[in-house]
Amino acid sequence: MANFSKSNVPQFSVDVYQNEYLPEGGREVNAIVTVSATGGGTVGSAVGAPHLYAAGRGPDAAVAIMVDCSGSMDYPPTKMRNAREATAAAIDTLRDGVHFAVIGGTHIAKEVYPGNGRLAVADTATRGQAKEALRRLSAGGGTAIGTWLRLADRLLSSADVSIRHGILLTDGRNEHESPQDLKAALDSCAGRFTCDARGVGTDWEVKEVTGIASALLGTADIVADPAALSADFTQMMETAMGKEVADVALRLWTPVGTEIKFVKQVAPTVEELTGRRTEAGPRAGDYPTGSWGDESRDYHVCVEVPSAGVGQEMLAARVSLVVPQGDGGVHNLGAQGLIKAVWTDDMVASTRINAQVAHYTGQAELAQVIQQGLDLRKSGDVDGATAKLGRAVQLASASGNADTAKLLAKVVDVVDAAAGTVRLKARVEEADEMTLETRSTKTVRVKK
């Protein structure tokens, strides 16, 4: 294992927030695990470790930009023009030395630049050539997103880099391949590169776009007005350029008789990780978190422990952070947190809910009831939709999630936010409903 100079990689830390006290016979332990990465970002990657750390400002990254070129991108014609301009803006944001490619997506995937199964290396000349190639992009054909992702994977995997990232733009539904084909493509790409997905306009399927981002541990959003694409693409690329460590996994070790009930990311967005566990030796499992720059995220870990008597205490789980190595081993990032259980007959201690746990339990429920409410609204169940979206308004109000509260107010008339009393609006702009659904998993952090 190579030695890593402290200067060129982020330092990771783990903080655990929980109420460790359980009543006699209590078995469920809940904790919020805050993972922070700080202080990365100097030039040059660690010598001898090409697959562990991407240098903060170095060229250790590859990016594939997938642009929808299906026929619908010509309605209105400004859409295709905005997509070309946005892609050009993203190319301008690439750091020198970063490998990149542009893919045009229809019912097949075409290499727009540089072509011949290669990646270009960003510099003044290649950025100019790529922008020239964008002018040849025209709309025509169907949509088969799985083919775009598979081509992106082939191109990205040809570069010997740490960070592999995709940016995907679509304006329509994935009509020219089966859902099974798309799922198979996502399964084959998962863990190989991360991908941000954007839907432009209002003719695309929210669950498709959010599903792509979720499977590939990226972000999803709506760009309802194509004119806003350039700013969004620039921001996405800037964030991608700030990533420094790829393939970080949250490793949970539990003692005998103890079981992990669930693991979910709860900030900055809600992302279910439970089913993505890979076994990592006796009683340990790894949960993927994707690529990291200077940032902080929160995870809710729920552990079931064997019941015990008053006065007993145990370690319920140990949390660490690891990165896989090319030789099949892992590099431990050195940060660790402990989740504990202590049995007590003090009712006040054992019934107190930790503020962090309570806050994020509410945020996860908020994301869920918005999805349920919108699905019920689409199916014509007015009472069911009103009840769920009313609960969403109540949760958003109580937790101070002002952004989500604003989005909800475009879909329902709020009578009493604290009580969750609402009426469904008779007419809702499609963009407003899609924005609420796409951003429903965005959370606010608990005020420390």
Protein backbone atom coordinates (compact mmCIF):
# COMPACT_ATOMS: atom_id res chain seq x y z
CA MET A 1 0.00 0.00 0.00
CA ALA A 2 1.42 3.35 -0.98
CA ASN A 3 1.97 6.07 1.58
CA PHE A 4 -0.37 9.01 1.13
CA SER A 5 0.75 12.50 1.81
CA LYS A 6 -1.82 14.18 4.01
CA SER A 7 -1.78 17.29 1.86
CA ASN A 8 -3.39 15.92 -1.27
CA VAL A 9 -6.38 13.99 0.00
CA PRO A 10 -9.41 15.02 2.01
CA GLN A 11 -9.39 14.02 5.65
CA PHE A 12 -12.50 12.02 6.54
CA SER A 13 -14.25 12.13 9.90
CA VAL A 14 -17.22 10.23 11.33
CA ASP A 15 -19.57 11.57 14.05
CA VAL A 16 -22.35 9.48 15.58
CA TYR A 17 -25.53 11.03 17.04
CA GLN A 18 -27.86 8.72 18.97
CA ASN A 19 -29.72 8.03 22.19
CA GLU A 20 -27.86 4.90 23.30
CA TYR A 21 -30.30 4.14 26.16
CA LEU A 22 -32.82 1.34 25.69
CA PRO A 23 -35.56 0.12 28.04
CA GLU A 24 -35.19 -3.41 29.41
CA GLY A 25 -35.77 -5.81 26.50
CA GLY A 26 -35.42 -2.98 23.94
CA ARG A 27 -33.82 -4.14 20.70
CA GLU A 28 -33.79 -1.27 18.16
CA VAL A 29 -30.90 1.18 18.08
CA ASN A 30 -31.05 4.22 15.77
CA ALA A 31 -28.13 6.50 14.97
CA ILE A 32 -27.32 9.32 12.57
CA VAL A 33 -23.80 8.99 11.20
CA THR A 34 -22.31 12.21 9.82
CA VAL A 35 -19.43 11.69 7.40
CA SER A 36 -17.33 14.73 6.49
CA ALA A 37 -14.46 15.14 4.03
CA THR A 38 -12.37 18.29 4.36
CA GLY A 39 -9.11 19.78 3.18
CA GLY A 40 -8.45 18.00 -0.11
CA GLY A 41 -7.52 19.73 -3.30
CA THR A 42 -3.83 20.09 -4.02
CA VAL A 43 -2.23 19.24 -7.34
CA GLY A 44 -0.88 15.79 -8.03
CA SER A 45 -2.23 12.41 -7.00
CA ALA A 46 -0.58 10.00 -4.62
CA VAL A 47 2.36 8.31 -6.27
CA GLY A 48 1.91 4.60 -6.81
CA ALA A 49 -1.82 4.65 -6.07
CA PRO A 50 -3.57 5.53 -9.31
CA HIS A 51 -6.85 3.96 -8.20
CA LEU A 52 -7.34 5.46 -4.79
CA TYR A 53 -7.24 9.21 -4.82
CA ALA A 54 -8.01 11.66 -7.52
CA ALA A 55 -5.99 14.78 -7.00
CA GLY A 56 -8.10 17.79 -6.19
CA ARG A 57 -6.85 19.86 -9.09
CA GLY A 58 -5.04 17.16 -11.02
CA PRO A 59 -6.17 15.38 -14.18
CA ASP A 60 -7.24 12.13 -12.51
CA ALA A 61 -10.81 12.07 -13.83
CA ALA A 62 -12.85 11.13 -16.90
CA VAL A 63 -16.26 12.55 -17.83
CA ALA A 64 -18.80 11.47 -20.46
CA ILE A 65 -21.56 13.90 -21.43
CA MET A 66 -24.66 12.18 -22.88
CA VAL A 67 -26.95 14.53 -24.81
CA ASP A 68 -30.44 13.51 -25.92
CA CYS A 69 -30.67 13.98 -29.70
CA SER A 70 -34.06 12.29 -30.21
CA GLY A 71 -36.63 13.90 -32.51
CA SER A 72 -38.51 15.59 -29.66
CA MET A 73 -35.44 17.76 -28.92
CA ASP A 74 -36.54 19.85 -31.93
CA TYR A 75 -39.84 20.83 -30.25
CA PRO A 76 -39.31 23.70 -29.68
CA PRO A 77 -36.06 24.13 -31.71
CA THR A 78 -34.57 26.22 -28.88
CA LYS A 79 -34.31 23.00 -26.83
CA MET A 80 -31.57 21.50 -28.99
CA ARG A 81 -29.79 24.84 -29.21
CA ASN A 82 -29.86 25.20 -25.41
CA ALA A 83 -28.57 21.63 -25.01
CA ARG A 84 -25.64 22.39 -27.35
CA GLU A 85 -24.85 25.60 -25.46
CA ALA A 86 -25.09 23.82 -22.09
CA THR A 87 -22.74 21.05 -23.24
CA ALA A 88 -20.29 23.69 -24.50
CA ALA A 89 -20.45 25.41 -21.10
CA ALA A 90 -19.74 22.09 -19.37
CA ILE A 91 -16.77 21.47 -21.69
CA ASP A 92 -15.41 24.93 -20.81
CA THR A 93 -15.55 23.92 -17.12
CA LEU A 94 -13.36 20.82 -17.62
CA ARG A 95 -9.93 21.09 -16.00
CA ASP A 96 -6.87 20.64 -18.22
CA GLY A 97 -5.86 16.98 -18.26
CA VAL A 98 -9.32 15.55 -17.60
CA HIS A 99 -10.35 12.82 -20.07
CA PHE A 100 -13.73 13.44 -21.72
CA ALA A 101 -16.15 12.44 -24.46
CA VAL A 102 -19.48 13.66 -25.82
CA ILE A 103 -22.19 11.13 -26.74
CA GLY A 104 -25.29 11.85 -28.82
CA GLY A 105 -28.19 9.70 -27.62
CA THR A 106 -31.16 8.46 -29.68
CA HIS A 107 -32.36 4.84 -30.06
CA ILE A 108 -28.64 4.22 -30.54
CA ALA A 109 -25.62 5.94 -28.97
CA LYS A 110 -23.20 7.87 -31.19
CA GLU A 111 -19.75 9.17 -30.37
CA VAL A 112 -19.89 12.89 -31.14
CA TYR A 113 -16.36 13.67 -29.89
CA PRO A 114 -13.56 12.59 -30.10
CA GLY A 115 -14.76 9.33 -31.77
CA ASN A 116 -13.13 5.97 -32.54
CA GLY A 117 -13.79 4.59 -29.06
CA ARG A 118 -11.43 7.07 -27.43
CA LEU A 119 -11.50 9.84 -24.86
CA ALA A 120 -9.99 13.26 -25.48
CA VAL A 121 -7.74 14.99 -22.94
CA ALA A 122 -8.99 18.47 -22.07
CA ASP A 123 -6.87 21.42 -23.17
CA THR A 124 -7.54 24.58 -25.16
CA ALA A 125 -7.40 22.74 -28.49
CA THR A 126 -9.61 19.75 -27.61
CA ARG A 127 -12.19 21.95 -25.89
CA GLY A 128 -12.42 23.98 -29.09
CA GLN A 129 -12.71 20.86 -31.27
CA ALA A 130 -15.42 19.42 -29.01
CA LYS A 131 -17.47 22.61 -29.22
CA GLU A 132 -17.08 22.58 -33.00
CA ALA A 133 -18.36 18.98 -33.06
CA LEU A 134 -21.43 20.05 -31.04
CA ARG A 135 -22.58 22.21 -33.95
CA ARG A 136 -23.22 19.03 -35.91
CA LEU A 137 -25.67 17.72 -33.32
CA SER A 138 -29.18 17.51 -34.72
CA ALA A 139 -32.42 16.00 -33.47
CA GLY A 140 -33.92 12.84 -34.96
CA GLY A 141 -34.67 9.30 -33.79
CA GLY A 142 -35.94 7.60 -30.67
CA THR A 143 -34.76 7.18 -27.07
CA ALA A 144 -32.90 4.16 -25.63
CA ILE A 145 -30.98 5.47 -22.63
CA GLY A 146 -29.43 2.10 -21.77
CA THR A 147 -27.38 2.25 -24.99
CA TRP A 148 -26.05 5.72 -24.01
CA LEU A 149 -24.98 4.45 -20.59
CA ARG A 150 -23.26 1.36 -21.99
CA LEU A 151 -21.26 3.48 -24.45
CA ALA A 152 -20.34 5.91 -21.66
CA ASP A 153 -19.15 2.95 -19.56
CA ARG A 154 -16.99 1.59 -22.40
CA LEU A 155 -15.38 4.99 -22.98
CA LEU A 156 -14.89 5.87 -19.31
CA SER A 157 -13.37 2.48 -18.49
CA SER A 158 -10.67 3.03 -21.15
CA ALA A 159 -9.02 5.71 -18.97
CA ASP A 160 -6.71 4.84 -16.07
CA VAL A 161 -8.27 7.34 -13.67
CA SER A 162 -9.88 7.36 -10.21
CA ILE A 163 -12.98 9.43 -10.83
CA ARG A 164 -15.36 8.37 -13.63
CA HIS A 165 -18.47 10.49 -14.05
CA GLY A 166 -21.36 10.85 -16.46
CA ILE A 167 -23.76 13.72 -17.15
CA LEU A 168 -27.00 12.67 -18.86
CA LEU A 169 -29.63 14.96 -20.38
CA THR A 170 -32.98 13.70 -21.68
CA ASP A 171 -36.23 15.37 -22.70
CA GLY A 172 -38.42 12.33 -23.23
CA ARG A 173 -39.49 8.90 -22.09
CA ASN A 174 -37.28 5.88 -22.68
CA GLU A 175 -39.59 4.47 -25.35
CA HIS A 176 -37.22 2.49 -27.57
CA GLU A 177 -36.01 -0.12 -25.13
CA SER A 178 -37.75 -2.11 -22.41
CA PRO A 179 -37.54 -1.13 -18.71
CA GLN A 180 -35.64 -4.42 -18.29
CA ASP A 181 -33.01 -3.28 -20.83
CA LEU A 182 -32.52 0.00 -18.99
CA LYS A 183 -32.28 -1.81 -15.64
CA ALA A 184 -29.72 -4.26 -17.05
CA ALA A 185 -27.64 -1.32 -18.33
CA LEU A 186 -27.83 0.40 -14.93
CA ASP A 187 -26.88 -2.82 -13.13
CA SER A 188 -23.83 -3.25 -15.37
CA CYS A 189 -22.74 0.41 -14.90
CA ALA A 190 -23.37 0.63 -11.13
CA GLY A 191 -20.12 0.99 -9.23
CA ARG A 192 -18.20 1.71 -12.46
CA PHE A 193 -19.08 5.39 -12.77
CA THR A 194 -21.32 7.94 -11.07
CA CYS A 195 -23.88 9.88 -13.11
CA ASP A 196 -25.95 13.04 -12.75
CA ALA A 197 -29.23 12.95 -14.70
CA ARG A 198 -31.33 15.91 -15.86
CA GLY A 199 -34.77 16.07 -17.45
CA VAL A 200 -35.37 19.12 -19.63
CA GLY A 201 -38.90 20.37 -20.32
CA THR A 202 -41.87 18.32 -19.06
CA ASP A 203 -42.22 15.33 -21.40
CA TRP A 204 -39.89 12.96 -19.54
CA GLU A 205 -40.62 10.41 -16.83
CA VAL A 206 -39.54 11.50 -13.33
CA LYS A 207 -39.09 7.96 -12.01
CA GLU A 208 -36.81 7.09 -14.96
CA VAL A 209 -34.51 10.06 -14.45
CA THR A 210 -34.38 9.77 -10.66
CA GLY A 211 -33.89 6.01 -11.01
CA ILE A 212 -30.82 6.52 -13.22
CA ALA A 213 -29.26 8.99 -10.76
CA SER A 214 -30.09 6.77 -7.80
CA ALA A 215 -28.59 3.62 -9.35
CA LEU A 216 -25.41 5.49 -10.29
CA LEU A 217 -25.14 7.52 -7.04
CA GLY A 218 -25.54 10.89 -8.76
CA THR A 219 -28.00 13.77 -8.58
CA ALA A 220 -31.30 14.19 -10.45
CA ASP A 221 -33.14 17.39 -11.24
CA ILE A 222 -35.59 19.04 -13.59
CA VAL A 223 -34.63 21.92 -15.87
CA ALA A 224 -38.14 22.98 -16.84
CA ASP A 225 -36.89 25.96 -18.87
CA PRO A 226 -34.23 24.91 -21.42
CA ALA A 227 -32.69 28.38 -21.13
CA ALA A 228 -31.46 27.42 -17.64
CA LEU A 229 -29.46 24.42 -18.92
CA SER A 230 -26.09 26.18 -19.29
CA ALA A 231 -26.00 27.33 -15.67
CA ASP A 232 -27.06 23.87 -14.49
CA PHE A 233 -24.45 22.05 -16.62
CA THR A 234 -21.70 24.40 -15.47
CA GLN A 235 -22.61 23.78 -11.83
CA MET A 236 -22.75 19.99 -12.35
CA MET A 237 -19.35 19.96 -14.01
CA GLU A 238 -17.81 22.18 -11.32
CA THR A 239 -19.07 19.72 -8.69
CA ALA A 240 -17.68 16.77 -10.67
CA MET A 241 -14.32 18.53 -10.96
CA GLY A 242 -14.27 18.89 -7.16
CA LYS A 243 -14.51 15.15 -6.51
CA GLU A 244 -11.29 13.71 -5.13
CA VAL A 245 -11.94 10.23 -3.77
CA ALA A 246 -13.96 7.61 -5.68
CA ASP A 247 -15.81 4.49 -4.53
CA VAL A 248 -15.98 5.30 -0.82
CA ALA A 249 -17.96 2.67 1.10
CA LEU A 250 -19.52 2.92 4.53
CA ARG A 251 -18.39 -0.28 6.30
CA LEU A 252 -20.54 -1.53 9.18
CA TRP A 253 -19.24 -4.25 11.50
CA THR A 254 -21.70 -5.79 13.95
CA PRO A 255 -21.15 -8.30 16.78
CA VAL A 256 -22.74 -11.76 16.87
CA GLY A 257 -26.54 -11.71 17.23
CA THR A 258 -26.82 -8.17 15.90
CA GLU A 259 -28.43 -7.31 12.56
CA ILE A 260 -28.48 -4.17 10.40
CA LYS A 261 -32.16 -3.36 9.74
CA PHE A 262 -31.52 -0.51 7.32
CA VAL A 263 -28.97 2.04 6.12
CA LYS A 264 -30.06 5.15 4.24
CA GLN A 265 -28.45 8.41 3.27
CA VAL A 266 -30.65 11.17 4.74
CA ALA A 267 -28.77 14.34 3.74
CA PRO A 268 -28.38 16.10 1.37
CA THR A 269 -30.94 13.72 -0.16
CA VAL A 270 -32.73 10.55 0.92
CA GLU A 271 -31.17 7.48 -0.73
CA GLU A 272 -31.94 3.90 0.34
CA LEU A 273 -28.70 1.89 0.63
CA THR A 274 -29.87 -1.22 2.53
CA GLY A 275 -30.17 -3.45 -0.54
CA ARG A 276 -26.77 -2.39 -1.90
CA ARG A 277 -24.75 -4.07 0.83
CA THR A 278 -21.82 -6.20 -0.24
CA GLU A 279 -20.37 -8.63 2.30
CA ALA A 280 -16.93 -7.66 3.60
CA GLY A 281 -15.72 -10.53 5.74
CA PRO A 282 -17.21 -11.91 8.94
CA ARG A 283 -20.12 -9.77 10.22
CA ALA A 284 -19.15 -6.74 8.10
CA GLY A 285 -20.83 -5.19 5.08
CA ASP A 286 -20.03 -2.29 2.76
CA TYR A 287 -22.59 0.28 1.56
CA PRO A 288 -21.58 2.38 -1.50
CA THR A 289 -21.53 6.18 -1.19
CA GLY A 290 -19.90 7.16 -4.51
CA SER A 291 -17.35 9.95 -5.02
CA TRP A 292 -16.41 12.65 -2.53
CA GLY A 293 -15.01 16.18 -2.63
CA ASP A 294 -15.07 18.63 0.27
CA GLU A 295 -18.53 17.84 1.65
CA SER A 296 -20.56 16.30 4.45
CA ARG A 297 -23.41 13.77 4.33
CA ASP A 298 -25.65 12.14 6.92
CA TYR A 299 -26.71 8.47 7.13
CA HIS A 300 -29.41 6.83 9.27
CA VAL A 301 -28.34 3.42 10.56
CA CYS A 302 -30.85 1.18 12.34
CA VAL A 303 -29.48 -1.86 14.20
CA GLU A 304 -31.36 -4.69 15.91
CA VAL A 305 -29.50 -5.97 18.97
CA PRO A 306 -30.18 -8.99 21.20
CA SER A 307 -32.34 -7.99 24.20
CA ALA A 308 -30.50 -7.57 27.50
CA GLY A 309 -31.12 -6.67 31.11
CA VAL A 310 -30.81 -3.33 32.89
CA GLY A 311 -27.23 -2.20 33.39
CA GLN A 312 -25.82 -4.10 30.44
CA GLU A 313 -24.17 -2.31 27.54
CA MET A 314 -22.74 -3.35 24.19
CA LEU A 315 -21.22 -2.08 20.96
CA ALA A 316 -24.10 -2.34 18.45
CA ALA A 317 -22.05 -1.46 15.35
CA ARG A 318 -18.71 -0.02 14.32
CA VAL A 319 -18.66 2.39 11.38
CA SER A 320 -15.59 2.93 9.18
CA LEU A 321 -14.85 4.19 5.66
CA VAL A 322 -12.99 2.14 3.06
CA VAL A 323 -11.96 2.42 -0.59
CA PRO A 324 -11.39 -0.72 -2.71
CA GLN A 325 -7.93 -1.28 -4.16
CA GLY A 326 -6.97 -2.81 -7.49
CA ASP A 327 -5.47 -5.85 -5.74
CA GLY A 328 -8.79 -6.80 -4.18
CA GLY A 329 -7.91 -5.28 -0.80
CA VAL A 330 -9.22 -2.04 0.68
CA HIS A 331 -7.69 1.14 2.01
CA ASN A 332 -9.16 2.26 5.31
CA LEU A 333 -9.69 6.01 5.40
CA GLY A 334 -8.95 6.08 9.12
CA ALA A 335 -12.24 7.53 10.36
CA GLN A 336 -14.37 5.49 12.76
CA GLY A 337 -17.58 5.84 14.76
CA LEU A 338 -19.22 3.61 17.37
CA ILE A 339 -22.96 2.93 17.78
CA LYS A 340 -23.74 1.75 21.31
CA ALA A 341 -26.60 0.24 23.29
CA VAL A 342 -27.06 0.67 27.06
CA TRP A 343 -30.07 -0.84 28.87
CA THR A 344 -31.60 1.25 31.63
CA ASP A 345 -34.72 1.41 33.83
CA ASP A 346 -34.65 5.21 33.64
CA MET A 347 -37.79 5.88 31.56
CA VAL A 348 -36.78 9.46 30.77
CA ALA A 349 -33.41 8.36 29.34
CA SER A 350 -34.76 5.39 27.36
CA THR A 351 -37.73 7.19 25.78
CA ARG A 352 -35.89 10.35 24.71
CA ILE A 353 -35.55 10.48 20.92
CA ASN A 354 -32.25 11.93 19.72
CA ALA A 355 -32.88 15.24 17.91
CA GLN A 356 -30.88 14.19 14.83
CA VAL A 357 -32.69 10.86 14.55
CA ALA A 358 -36.11 12.53 14.96
CA HIS A 359 -35.31 15.19 12.35
CA TYR A 360 -34.15 12.75 9.68
CA THR A 361 -36.89 10.24 10.36
CA GLY A 362 -39.25 13.13 9.53
CA GLN A 363 -37.29 14.05 6.37
CA ALA A 364 -37.39 10.44 5.11
CA GLU A 365 -41.14 10.31 5.78
CA LEU A 366 -41.54 13.66 3.97
CA ALA A 367 -39.92 12.24 0.81
CA GLN A 368 -42.13 9.14 1.02
CA VAL A 369 -45.48 10.91 1.54
CA ILE A 370 -44.79 13.33 -1.34
CA GLN A 371 -44.21 10.39 -3.70
CA GLN A 372 -47.31 8.59 -2.39
CA GLY A 373 -49.43 11.74 -2.58
CA LEU A 374 -48.46 12.51 -6.17
CA ASP A 375 -49.04 8.88 -7.24
CA LEU A 376 -52.52 8.97 -5.63
CA ARG A 377 -53.26 12.33 -7.30
CA LYS A 378 -52.35 10.84 -10.71
CA SER A 379 -54.60 7.84 -10.07
CA GLY A 380 -57.54 10.14 -9.20
CA ASP A 381 -57.69 9.40 -5.44
CA VAL A 382 -58.36 12.94 -4.23
CA ASP A 383 -58.88 12.06 -0.55
CA GLY A 384 -55.77 9.88 -0.38
CA ALA A 385 -53.64 12.47 -2.17
CA THR A 386 -54.95 15.27 0.09
CA ALA A 387 -54.12 13.29 3.24
CA LYS A 388 -50.57 12.41 2.11
CA LEU A 389 -49.72 15.87 0.77
CA GLY A 390 -51.22 17.43 3.90
CA ARG A 391 -48.87 15.32 5.99
CA ALA A 392 -46.01 16.45 3.71
CA VAL A 393 -46.88 20.13 4.32
CA GLN A 394 -46.95 19.47 8.07
CA LEU A 395 -43.54 17.74 8.04
CA ALA A 396 -41.93 20.39 5.80
CA SER A 397 -43.25 23.12 8.07
CA ALA A 398 -42.13 21.42 11.30
CA SER A 399 -38.60 20.68 10.03
CA GLY A 400 -37.98 24.05 8.41
CA ASN A 401 -37.68 22.57 4.91
CA ALA A 402 -38.66 25.84 3.21
CA ASP A 403 -37.70 24.75 -0.32
CA THR A 404 -39.99 21.71 -0.22
CA ALA A 405 -42.74 23.76 1.45
CA LYS A 406 -42.61 26.22 -1.48
CA LEU A 407 -42.86 23.40 -4.02
CA LEU A 408 -45.80 21.85 -2.15
CA ALA A 409 -47.62 25.20 -2.14
CA LYS A 410 -47.72 25.05 -5.98
CA VAL A 411 -49.61 21.75 -5.86
CA VAL A 412 -51.90 22.29 -2.84
CA ASP A 413 -53.58 25.26 -1.19
CA VAL A 414 -52.30 25.30 2.38
CA VAL A 415 -55.05 26.04 4.91
CA ASP A 416 -53.06 25.24 8.08
CA ALA A 417 -49.44 24.12 7.67
CA ALA A 418 -48.94 23.09 11.31
CA ALA A 419 -52.03 20.86 11.23
CA GLY A 420 -51.38 19.64 7.69
CA THR A 421 -54.73 20.89 6.40
CA VAL A 422 -54.64 21.38 2.63
CA ARG A 423 -56.80 21.34 -0.49
CA LEU A 424 -55.59 19.99 -3.83
CA LYS A 425 -55.33 22.74 -6.42
CA ALA A 426 -57.76 22.25 -9.30
CA ARG A 427 -55.11 23.17 -11.85
CA VAL A 428 -51.42 22.47 -11.41
CA GLU A 429 -48.68 23.33 -13.88
CA GLU A 430 -47.03 20.11 -15.05
CA ALA A 431 -43.57 21.59 -14.41
CA ASP A 432 -44.52 22.37 -10.79
CA GLU A 433 -45.73 18.84 -10.13
CA MET A 434 -42.64 17.31 -11.77
CA THR A 435 -40.32 19.62 -9.83
CA LEU A 436 -41.93 18.57 -6.54
CA GLU A 437 -41.60 14.89 -7.44
CA THR A 438 -38.00 15.19 -8.68
CA ARG A 439 -36.84 17.18 -5.65
CA SER A 440 -38.92 15.32 -3.05
CA THR A 441 -35.85 13.52 -1.68
CA LYS A 442 -33.89 16.74 -0.99
CA THR A 443 -33.57 17.27 2.76
CA VAL A 444 -32.56 20.06 5.11
CA ARG A 445 -29.86 19.34 7.64
CA VAL A 446 -30.67 19.37 11.30
CA LYS A 447 -29.57 22.58 13.00
CA LYS A 448 -26.62 21.50 15.15
